[in-house]
Amino acid sequence: MSFWTLLVNAGLGLLLMQFWAHAGLAVALTLASLFNAIVLLWLLRGRIGELRLRALLQSTAKILPAVAFMGVAVWSVLQAGNWTDSGERFHNAVILFAAVLSGSLVYLAVSRMFGVQALAEIGRMLRKERSE
C-alpha cells in the first residue's frame, strides 16, 4: 500500500509542482495521504465488516468547531512574536508557550460546549487512575 501512496504522491507532486511550486508538493502530499486513508479504510472494511463511520463522522463534526477556534486562538497569540529576528528567541519561546497553552484551553472549553464524548472518557480514566 505504501508503494502506491508513494507513486500517487510522486505523480501528483510532479504535476502540481509545475503550477504551485512548493505549495503543489504540499497539496500532493495531502492528496496522497487522503488516497492512503481511503484505500486503507476500504481494505479494513473488507476484513472486519462495518466500520460504523457515521459515529466517527458525528464525533468529528463536534470536534471541528473546537479545532477552528483553537487555530484562531493560536494564530492570534503567535502574531505577537517576531519570528524573523533570531535575537528574539526567549521572547518567541514565551509566546509559543502561551500560544500552545491558550490553544489547549480554547480546545478543551469548546469541546466541552459541544459535548465531545472523548474528553469525558479521558476525564473518567484520569480520575479512575488517581483513585487507584
Protein backbone atom coordinates (compact mmCIF):
# COMPACT_ATOMS: atom_id res chain seq x y z
CA MET A 1 0.00 0.00 0.00
CA SER A 2 2.86 2.37 0.82
CA PHE A 3 4.27 1.87 -2.66
CA TRP A 4 1.03 3.01 -4.29
CA THR A 5 0.79 6.01 -1.99
CA LEU A 6 4.37 6.90 -2.89
CA LEU A 7 3.52 6.69 -6.60
CA VAL A 8 0.43 8.88 -6.14
CA ASN A 9 2.49 11.40 -4.17
CA ALA A 10 5.30 11.47 -6.74
CA GLY A 11 2.94 11.74 -9.69
CA LEU A 12 0.84 14.49 -8.16
CA GLY A 13 3.98 16.23 -6.92
CA LEU A 14 5.48 16.36 -10.39
CA LEU A 15 2.21 17.59 -11.84
CA LEU A 16 1.26 20.18 -9.21
CA MET A 17 4.80 21.47 -8.68
CA GLN A 18 4.68 22.96 -12.18
CA PHE A 19 1.78 25.20 -11.21
CA TRP A 20 2.22 25.89 -7.49
CA ALA A 21 5.93 25.19 -6.72
CA HIS A 22 6.39 24.03 -3.13
CA ALA A 23 2.70 24.55 -2.37
CA GLY A 24 1.99 21.97 -5.08
CA LEU A 25 4.18 19.48 -3.26
CA ALA A 26 2.23 20.10 -0.06
CA VAL A 27 -1.08 19.60 -1.87
CA ALA A 28 0.28 16.42 -3.48
CA LEU A 29 1.29 15.03 -0.10
CA THR A 30 -2.14 15.87 1.32
CA LEU A 31 -3.94 14.19 -1.58
CA ALA A 32 -1.67 11.13 -1.39
CA SER A 33 -2.39 10.85 2.33
CA LEU A 34 -6.12 11.08 1.62
CA PHE A 35 -5.75 8.35 -1.02
CA ASN A 36 -3.89 6.20 1.51
CA ALA A 37 -6.55 6.68 4.18
CA ILE A 38 -9.43 5.88 1.82
CA VAL A 39 -7.79 2.71 0.47
CA LEU A 40 -6.84 1.54 3.98
CA LEU A 41 -10.42 2.11 5.21
CA TRP A 42 -11.74 0.17 2.23
CA LEU A 43 -9.34 -2.72 2.94
CA LEU A 44 -10.18 -2.69 6.64
CA ARG A 45 -13.90 -2.76 5.90
CA GLY A 46 -13.33 -5.81 3.70
CA ARG A 47 -11.59 -7.59 6.56
CA ILE A 48 -13.72 -6.75 9.59
CA GLY A 49 -17.01 -5.62 8.12
CA GLU A 50 -18.90 -2.47 9.00
CA LEU A 51 -16.75 0.29 10.50
CA ARG A 52 -19.53 2.48 11.93
CA LEU A 53 -18.11 5.53 10.17
CA ARG A 54 -21.30 7.51 10.79
CA ALA A 55 -20.49 7.64 14.52
CA LEU A 56 -16.94 8.75 13.68
CA LEU A 57 -18.25 11.50 11.40
CA GLN A 58 -20.64 12.72 14.11
CA SER A 59 -17.76 12.88 16.56
CA THR A 60 -15.62 14.70 14.00
CA ALA A 61 -18.39 17.23 13.39
CA LYS A 62 -18.36 18.06 17.11
CA ILE A 63 -14.57 18.40 17.18
CA LEU A 64 -14.21 20.64 14.10
CA PRO A 65 -15.51 23.83 15.76
CA ALA A 66 -13.10 23.28 18.65
CA VAL A 67 -10.22 22.85 16.20
CA ALA A 68 -11.23 26.02 14.32
CA PHE A 69 -11.44 28.13 17.50
CA MET A 70 -8.16 26.65 18.72
CA GLY A 71 -6.48 27.59 15.43
CA VAL A 72 -7.74 31.17 15.67
CA ALA A 73 -6.54 31.44 19.27
CA VAL A 74 -3.08 30.07 18.47
CA TRP A 75 -2.73 32.24 15.38
CA SER A 76 -3.78 35.34 17.33
CA VAL A 77 -1.22 34.76 20.08
CA LEU A 78 1.55 33.98 17.58
CA GLN A 79 1.07 37.39 15.96
CA ALA A 80 2.85 38.92 18.98
CA GLY A 81 6.11 37.18 18.06
CA ASN A 82 8.94 38.41 15.88
CA TRP A 83 9.69 35.21 14.01
CA THR A 84 12.31 36.62 11.63
CA ASP A 85 14.71 38.01 14.27
CA SER A 86 16.88 35.32 15.86
CA GLY A 87 17.65 37.69 18.75
CA GLU A 88 14.08 37.29 19.98
CA ARG A 89 14.35 33.60 20.85
CA PHE A 90 13.39 33.84 24.52
CA HIS A 91 10.53 36.23 23.77
CA ASN A 92 9.32 33.96 20.97
CA ALA A 93 9.60 30.88 23.20
CA VAL A 94 7.34 32.55 25.77
CA ILE A 95 4.87 33.49 23.03
CA LEU A 96 4.95 29.95 21.63
CA PHE A 97 4.26 28.53 25.10
CA ALA A 98 1.37 30.99 25.53
CA ALA A 99 0.00 30.00 22.11
CA VAL A 100 0.08 26.29 22.95
CA LEU A 101 -1.48 26.89 26.37
CA SER A 102 -4.21 29.18 25.05
CA GLY A 103 -4.94 26.84 22.15
CA SER A 104 -5.27 23.89 24.53
CA LEU A 105 -7.59 25.76 26.86
CA VAL A 106 -9.78 27.01 23.99
CA TYR A 107 -9.93 23.50 22.51
CA LEU A 108 -10.97 21.97 25.83
CA ALA A 109 -13.59 24.66 26.50
CA VAL A 110 -15.19 24.50 23.05
CA SER A 111 -15.06 20.69 23.02
CA ARG A 112 -16.88 20.66 26.33
CA MET A 113 -19.50 23.11 25.00
CA PHE A 114 -20.13 20.80 22.02
CA GLY A 115 -20.27 17.69 24.18
CA VAL A 116 -17.28 15.81 22.79
CA GLN A 117 -17.52 12.35 24.37
CA ALA A 118 -13.82 11.55 24.11
CA LEU A 119 -12.97 14.28 26.63
CA ALA A 120 -15.42 12.89 29.15
CA GLU A 121 -13.91 9.43 28.71
CA ILE A 122 -10.38 10.76 29.20
CA GLY A 123 -11.52 12.59 32.32
CA ARG A 124 -13.06 9.40 33.73
CA MET A 125 -9.88 7.45 33.02
CA LEU A 126 -7.72 10.08 34.73
CA ARG A 127 -9.98 10.21 37.80
CA LYS A 128 -10.01 6.42 37.98
CA GLU A 129 -6.22 6.29 37.75
CA ARG A 130 -5.82 8.84 40.58
CA SER A 131 -8.17 6.93 42.85
CA GLU A 132 -6.21 3.67 42.46
